[in-house]
Amino acid sequence: MHATVGDTLLVHGRVVGQHDRTAEVLEVLGPDGTPPYRVRFNDDGHEAVMSPGPDSVVRHKEPS
């Protein structure tokens, strides 16, 4: 998994009734765009450092 600042991380719910969550990548802490990432979740503004698992997808930002 590779991300850059401004990309969106989509975290799929893992159990029935758990909704997908999206988070903006604020900082890439690993080498060459690899995890961990500092992110801000769009639904509640919570910030966290996370290493996404196989239930996550990076949506790259559109080039300007």
Protein backbone atom coordinates (compact mmCIF):
# COMPACT_ATOMS: atom_id res chain seq x y z
CA MET A 1 0.00 0.00 0.00
CA HIS A 2 1.28 3.45 -0.96
CA ALA A 3 -0.29 6.83 -0.21
CA THR A 4 0.61 10.50 -0.32
CA VAL A 5 -0.64 13.45 1.73
CA GLY A 6 -4.16 14.36 0.62
CA ASP A 7 -5.13 10.84 -0.48
CA THR A 8 -8.25 9.27 1.01
CA LEU A 9 -8.13 6.03 2.94
CA LEU A 10 -11.32 3.94 2.71
CA VAL A 11 -11.66 1.50 5.59
CA HIS A 12 -14.36 -1.11 4.97
CA GLY A 13 -16.53 -2.23 7.90
CA ARG A 14 -15.51 -5.70 9.06
CA VAL A 15 -18.74 -6.85 10.71
CA VAL A 16 -22.43 -6.65 9.82
CA GLY A 17 -23.79 -3.20 10.63
CA GLN A 18 -20.38 -1.51 10.72
CA HIS A 19 -20.19 1.21 8.08
CA ASP A 20 -17.24 2.04 5.86
CA ARG A 21 -15.16 5.01 7.04
CA THR A 22 -13.03 7.44 5.09
CA ALA A 23 -10.02 9.35 6.32
CA GLU A 24 -7.73 11.94 4.78
CA VAL A 25 -4.01 11.13 4.87
CA LEU A 26 -2.35 14.02 6.73
CA GLU A 27 1.17 12.60 7.03
CA VAL A 28 3.04 9.58 5.67
CA LEU A 29 5.32 8.17 8.36
CA GLY A 30 6.75 5.20 6.45
CA PRO A 31 9.38 5.25 3.72
CA ASP A 32 8.28 5.78 0.09
CA GLY A 33 4.58 6.24 0.89
CA THR A 34 4.16 3.10 2.98
CA PRO A 35 2.32 2.92 6.34
CA PRO A 36 1.93 4.04 9.02
CA TYR A 37 -0.14 7.12 8.18
CA ARG A 38 -1.47 9.95 10.31
CA VAL A 39 -5.09 10.36 9.23
CA ARG A 40 -8.21 12.40 10.05
CA PHE A 41 -11.52 10.55 9.84
CA ASN A 42 -14.13 12.45 7.84
CA ASP A 43 -17.14 11.39 9.94
CA ASP A 44 -16.00 12.69 13.33
CA GLY A 45 -12.68 14.56 12.82
CA HIS A 46 -10.78 12.05 15.00
CA GLU A 47 -7.06 11.87 14.17
CA ALA A 48 -5.05 8.67 14.50
CA VAL A 49 -1.85 6.98 13.41
CA MET A 50 -2.69 3.74 11.66
CA SER A 51 -1.23 0.95 9.58
CA PRO A 52 -4.18 -0.07 7.40
CA GLY A 53 -4.98 -3.74 6.95
CA PRO A 54 -6.36 -5.67 3.98
CA ASP A 55 -9.81 -4.15 4.58
CA SER A 56 -8.52 -0.71 3.49
CA VAL A 57 -8.06 0.93 0.08
CA VAL A 58 -6.17 4.09 -0.88
CA ARG A 59 -8.01 6.47 -3.18
CA HIS A 60 -5.39 8.72 -4.71
CA LYS A 61 -6.18 12.41 -5.05
CA GLU A 62 -6.75 13.79 -8.53
CA PRO A 63 -3.76 15.63 -9.98
CA SER A 64 -4.18 19.41 -10.06
